[in-house]
N, C-alpha and C. Protein backbone atom coordinates (compact mmCIF):
# COMPACT_ATOMS: atom_id res chain seq x y z
N MET A 1 138.64 115.36 -54.76
CA MET A 1 137.32 114.78 -56.42
C MET A 1 137.42 116.31 -56.79
N TYR A 2 136.66 117.51 -56.05
CA TYR A 2 137.13 118.35 -56.93
C TYR A 2 137.83 119.33 -56.04
N GLY A 3 138.20 120.61 -57.03
CA GLY A 3 138.95 121.61 -56.91
C GLY A 3 140.59 120.78 -56.84
N MET A 4 140.31 119.60 -57.32
CA MET A 4 141.88 118.93 -57.54
C MET A 4 142.33 119.00 -59.16
N GLY A 5 142.39 120.08 -59.60
CA GLY A 5 142.58 120.72 -60.72
C GLY A 5 142.32 119.93 -61.52
N THR A 6 141.19 118.82 -61.92
CA THR A 6 141.20 118.14 -63.30
C THR A 6 140.57 119.34 -64.49
N LYS A 7 140.73 119.18 -65.08
CA LYS A 7 140.26 119.87 -66.29
C LYS A 7 138.76 119.43 -66.72
N SER A 8 137.76 119.83 -66.71
CA SER A 8 136.88 119.84 -67.51
C SER A 8 136.17 120.20 -68.83
N GLU A 9 136.23 118.52 -69.19
CA GLU A 9 135.51 118.53 -70.80
C GLU A 9 134.76 118.35 -71.80
N GLU A 10 133.52 118.57 -70.66
CA GLU A 10 132.15 118.46 -71.53
C GLU A 10 131.87 119.51 -70.73
N ARG A 11 130.47 120.04 -71.49
CA ARG A 11 129.27 121.02 -71.05
C ARG A 11 128.52 120.41 -71.47
N VAL A 12 127.53 121.25 -69.41
CA VAL A 12 125.91 120.50 -69.28
C VAL A 12 125.10 121.73 -69.74
N GLU A 13 124.49 121.54 -70.79
CA GLU A 13 123.58 123.48 -70.77
C GLU A 13 121.86 122.53 -69.99
N LEU A 14 121.39 124.10 -69.42
CA LEU A 14 120.36 123.57 -68.62
C LEU A 14 118.82 124.92 -69.21
N ARG A 15 117.84 124.55 -68.90
CA ARG A 15 116.42 125.75 -69.52
C ARG A 15 116.24 125.30 -68.15
N LEU A 16 116.15 127.02 -67.23
CA LEU A 16 115.76 126.78 -65.92
C LEU A 16 114.29 128.25 -66.15
N PRO A 17 113.57 127.88 -65.22
CA PRO A 17 112.19 128.37 -65.24
C PRO A 17 113.37 130.02 -64.20
N ALA A 18 112.45 131.25 -64.46
CA ALA A 18 112.79 132.27 -63.66
C ALA A 18 112.93 131.91 -62.39
N GLY A 19 114.44 133.00 -62.23
CA GLY A 19 114.74 132.81 -60.31
C GLY A 19 115.71 131.62 -60.29
N ARG A 20 115.42 130.73 -60.31
CA ARG A 20 116.28 129.36 -60.32
C ARG A 20 117.48 129.16 -60.05
N LYS A 21 118.18 129.98 -61.14
CA LYS A 21 119.54 130.36 -61.29
C LYS A 21 120.02 131.57 -60.40
N ALA A 22 119.22 131.82 -59.99
CA ALA A 22 119.69 132.76 -58.74
C ALA A 22 120.12 132.17 -57.59
N LYS A 23 118.46 131.41 -57.31
CA LYS A 23 118.41 130.90 -56.02
C LYS A 23 119.84 129.40 -55.50
N TRP A 24 120.14 129.08 -57.19
CA TRP A 24 121.38 127.79 -57.35
C TRP A 24 122.45 128.81 -56.58
N LEU A 25 122.53 130.05 -57.30
CA LEU A 25 123.41 130.74 -56.64
C LEU A 25 124.07 131.47 -55.43
N ARG A 26 122.27 131.25 -54.80
CA ARG A 26 122.90 131.68 -53.25
C ARG A 26 123.10 130.44 -52.50
N ALA A 27 122.81 129.92 -52.45
CA ALA A 27 123.21 128.24 -52.42
C ALA A 27 124.16 128.15 -52.40
N ALA A 28 125.18 128.22 -53.59
CA ALA A 28 126.90 128.01 -53.90
C ALA A 28 127.14 128.92 -52.91
N GLU A 29 126.98 129.79 -53.03
CA GLU A 29 127.53 131.23 -52.63
C GLU A 29 127.74 130.91 -50.93
N ARG A 30 126.40 129.98 -50.35
CA ARG A 30 126.53 129.53 -48.52
C ARG A 30 127.32 128.72 -48.66
N ALA A 31 127.34 127.85 -49.48
CA ALA A 31 128.39 126.69 -49.49
C ALA A 31 129.87 126.99 -49.74
N GLY A 32 129.96 128.36 -49.84
CA GLY A 32 131.39 128.87 -50.39
C GLY A 32 132.34 127.95 -51.43
N VAL A 33 131.08 127.51 -52.87
CA VAL A 33 131.78 127.05 -53.96
C VAL A 33 131.63 128.01 -55.06
N SER A 34 131.68 127.47 -56.18
CA SER A 34 130.90 127.89 -57.52
C SER A 34 129.90 127.59 -57.32
N LEU A 35 129.08 127.60 -58.58
CA LEU A 35 127.85 127.24 -59.17
C LEU A 35 128.07 126.04 -59.68
N SER A 36 128.95 126.19 -60.33
CA SER A 36 129.54 124.63 -61.37
C SER A 36 130.30 123.34 -60.74
N ASP A 37 130.68 124.10 -59.36
CA ASP A 37 130.84 122.75 -58.04
C ASP A 37 129.71 122.39 -57.92
N TRP A 38 128.94 123.65 -57.18
CA TRP A 38 127.90 123.09 -56.53
C TRP A 38 126.81 121.87 -56.58
N ALA A 39 126.67 122.72 -58.01
CA ALA A 39 125.78 121.48 -59.46
C ALA A 39 126.42 120.54 -59.68
N ARG A 40 127.54 120.10 -59.77
CA ARG A 40 128.62 119.01 -59.85
C ARG A 40 128.11 118.03 -58.50
N ARG A 41 128.64 118.79 -57.24
CA ARG A 41 128.44 117.82 -56.32
C ARG A 41 127.28 117.61 -56.02
N ARG A 42 125.37 118.26 -56.06
CA ARG A 42 124.46 117.56 -56.25
C ARG A 42 124.14 116.60 -57.28
N LEU A 43 124.69 116.78 -58.22
CA LEU A 43 124.33 115.81 -58.81
C LEU A 43 125.23 114.64 -59.11
N ASP A 44 126.31 114.33 -58.63
CA ASP A 44 126.81 113.57 -58.55
C ASP A 44 126.50 112.76 -57.20
N GLN A 45 126.24 113.43 -56.58
CA GLN A 45 125.27 113.17 -54.89
C GLN A 45 124.04 111.99 -55.25
N HIS A 46 123.24 113.12 -55.91
CA HIS A 46 122.03 112.53 -56.87
C HIS A 46 122.38 110.89 -57.57
N ALA A 47 123.22 110.99 -58.21
CA ALA A 47 123.57 110.07 -59.44
C ALA A 47 123.85 108.95 -58.31
N ASP A 48 124.69 109.50 -57.77
CA ASP A 48 125.31 107.87 -56.39
C ASP A 48 124.19 107.04 -56.06
N GLU A 49 123.36 108.13 -54.76
CA GLU A 49 122.24 107.51 -54.95
C GLU A 49 121.22 106.94 -55.86
N GLU A 50 120.85 107.12 -56.78
CA GLU A 50 120.01 106.85 -57.89
C GLU A 50 120.79 104.82 -58.23
N LEU A 51 121.99 105.36 -58.15
CA LEU A 51 122.85 104.12 -58.62
C LEU A 51 123.73 102.95 -57.81
N GLY A 52 123.10 103.22 -56.16
CA GLY A 52 123.88 102.45 -55.11
C GLY A 52 124.96 102.86 -54.98
N ILE A 53 125.92 103.48 -55.43
CA ILE A 53 126.77 104.12 -55.30
C ILE A 53 127.25 104.35 -53.68
N GLU A 54 128.37 104.26 -53.29
CA GLU A 54 128.60 104.25 -52.20
C GLU A 54 130.01 105.20 -51.67
N GLU A 55 129.65 106.28 -51.59
CA GLU A 55 131.22 107.21 -51.54
C GLU A 55 131.61 108.23 -50.48
N PRO A 56 132.29 108.53 -49.88
CA PRO A 56 132.26 109.33 -48.76
C PRO A 56 132.16 110.72 -49.14
N PRO A 57 131.21 111.67 -48.89
CA PRO A 57 130.59 112.86 -49.06
C PRO A 57 131.50 113.65 -49.17
N ALA A 58 131.67 114.74 -49.78
CA ALA A 58 132.98 115.69 -50.41
C ALA A 58 132.86 116.46 -48.91
N PRO A 59 134.13 116.80 -48.63
CA PRO A 59 134.46 117.89 -47.28
C PRO A 59 134.05 119.10 -47.43
N SER A 60 133.54 119.34 -45.68
CA SER A 60 132.57 120.79 -45.68
C SER A 60 133.63 121.58 -45.65
N LYS A 61 133.20 122.63 -45.80
CA LYS A 61 133.34 124.09 -45.21
C LYS A 61 134.39 124.12 -43.84
N ASP A 62 133.64 123.57 -43.18
CA ASP A 62 134.59 123.15 -41.78
C ASP A 62 135.25 122.32 -42.26
N ASP A 63 135.53 121.23 -42.79
CA ASP A 63 136.37 119.94 -43.10
C ASP A 63 137.46 120.84 -43.17
N ILE A 64 137.45 121.53 -44.44
CA ILE A 64 138.57 122.41 -45.29
C ILE A 64 139.24 123.03 -43.96
N ALA A 65 138.26 124.59 -43.78
CA ALA A 65 138.95 125.72 -42.77
C ALA A 65 139.41 124.43 -42.10
N ALA A 66 139.28 123.37 -40.93
CA ALA A 66 139.98 122.62 -39.79
C ALA A 66 141.39 122.24 -40.43
N ALA A 67 141.73 121.63 -41.73
CA ALA A 67 142.67 120.83 -42.25
C ALA A 67 143.88 122.00 -42.60
N LEU A 68 142.84 123.60 -42.94
CA LEU A 68 143.68 124.77 -43.23
C LEU A 68 144.63 124.75 -42.38
N GLU A 69 144.10 124.97 -41.08
CA GLU A 69 144.56 125.38 -39.54
C GLU A 69 145.83 124.59 -38.98
N VAL A 70 145.77 123.29 -39.58
CA VAL A 70 146.73 122.46 -39.00
C VAL A 70 147.89 122.44 -40.13
N VAL A 71 147.60 123.17 -41.41
CA VAL A 71 149.05 122.89 -42.10
C VAL A 71 150.08 123.63 -41.19
N GLY A 72 151.25 123.44 -42.27
CA GLY A 72 152.31 124.15 -40.92
C GLY A 72 152.37 123.87 -39.70
N ALA A 73 151.51 123.21 -39.15
CA ALA A 73 151.88 122.82 -37.65
C ALA A 73 153.07 122.53 -37.41
N LEU A 74 154.09 121.28 -38.44
CA LEU A 74 154.96 120.69 -37.64
C LEU A 74 156.38 121.42 -38.06
N ARG A 75 155.82 122.64 -38.47
CA ARG A 75 157.19 123.53 -39.28
C ARG A 75 158.54 124.11 -37.98
N SER A 76 157.79 123.90 -36.75
CA SER A 76 158.87 124.33 -35.34
C SER A 76 159.28 123.47 -34.82
N THR A 77 159.20 122.32 -35.19
CA THR A 77 159.27 120.97 -34.31
C THR A 77 160.55 120.28 -34.75
N ASP A 78 161.51 120.59 -35.95
CA ASP A 78 162.30 120.63 -36.72
C ASP A 78 162.67 119.02 -37.08
N LEU A 79 161.21 118.50 -37.44
CA LEU A 79 161.14 117.32 -38.02
C LEU A 79 161.67 117.04 -39.32
N ARG A 80 161.94 117.83 -40.22
CA ARG A 80 162.96 117.96 -41.30
C ARG A 80 163.72 117.47 -41.25
N ALA A 81 164.79 117.94 -40.07
CA ALA A 81 166.32 117.57 -39.63
C ALA A 81 166.00 116.23 -38.93
N LYS A 82 164.76 115.91 -38.54
CA LYS A 82 164.96 114.46 -37.65
C LYS A 82 165.40 113.66 -39.21
N VAL A 83 164.65 113.95 -39.99
CA VAL A 83 163.84 113.04 -41.20
C VAL A 83 165.49 113.17 -41.97
N HIS A 84 165.65 114.04 -42.03
CA HIS A 84 166.84 113.76 -43.05
C HIS A 84 167.92 113.23 -42.10
N GLU A 85 168.35 113.70 -40.74
CA GLU A 85 169.31 112.75 -40.29
C GLU A 85 168.96 110.86 -40.30
N GLY A 86 167.81 111.10 -40.03
CA GLY A 86 167.45 108.97 -40.29
C GLY A 86 167.41 108.48 -41.44
N ARG A 87 167.62 109.05 -42.58
CA ARG A 87 167.62 108.55 -43.99
C ARG A 87 169.57 108.26 -43.57
N LYS A 88 170.46 108.97 -43.29
CA LYS A 88 171.22 108.92 -43.60
C LYS A 88 172.35 107.66 -42.84
N THR A 89 173.30 107.17 -44.53
CA THR A 89 173.12 105.93 -43.96
C THR A 89 175.03 106.17 -44.07
N PRO A 90 175.77 105.17 -43.56
CA PRO A 90 177.92 105.48 -43.56
C PRO A 90 177.89 105.55 -44.80
N TRP A 91 177.63 104.82 -45.63
CA TRP A 91 177.72 104.77 -46.49
C TRP A 91 177.91 106.12 -47.36
N ILE A 92 177.06 107.02 -47.51
CA ILE A 92 177.01 108.41 -48.15
C ILE A 92 177.25 109.62 -47.84
N VAL A 93 178.26 110.28 -48.26
CA VAL A 93 178.92 111.23 -47.55
C VAL A 93 178.57 112.54 -47.97
N GLU A 94 178.16 113.66 -46.88
CA GLU A 94 177.85 114.92 -47.50
C GLU A 94 178.53 116.22 -47.63
């Protein structure tokens, strides 16, 4: 959902007491995301709770790091060649 390359088309503006934006920025930095992404996630989470919508939570920073560790893990297994070999049929000439 987040960070999937979707283009934002609408803008929301908020008036804040002094210091609130700085606090939100620190929280976003701690989560490893932009302030906009952090705010969207929190607002969506609370809206879902209010509306009774059950969606899986967004992946955590640790989940993303774990997923990135396995990227490319199959490269040295020759899986691609095996898949291409399995796709061959007798009537295709290469």
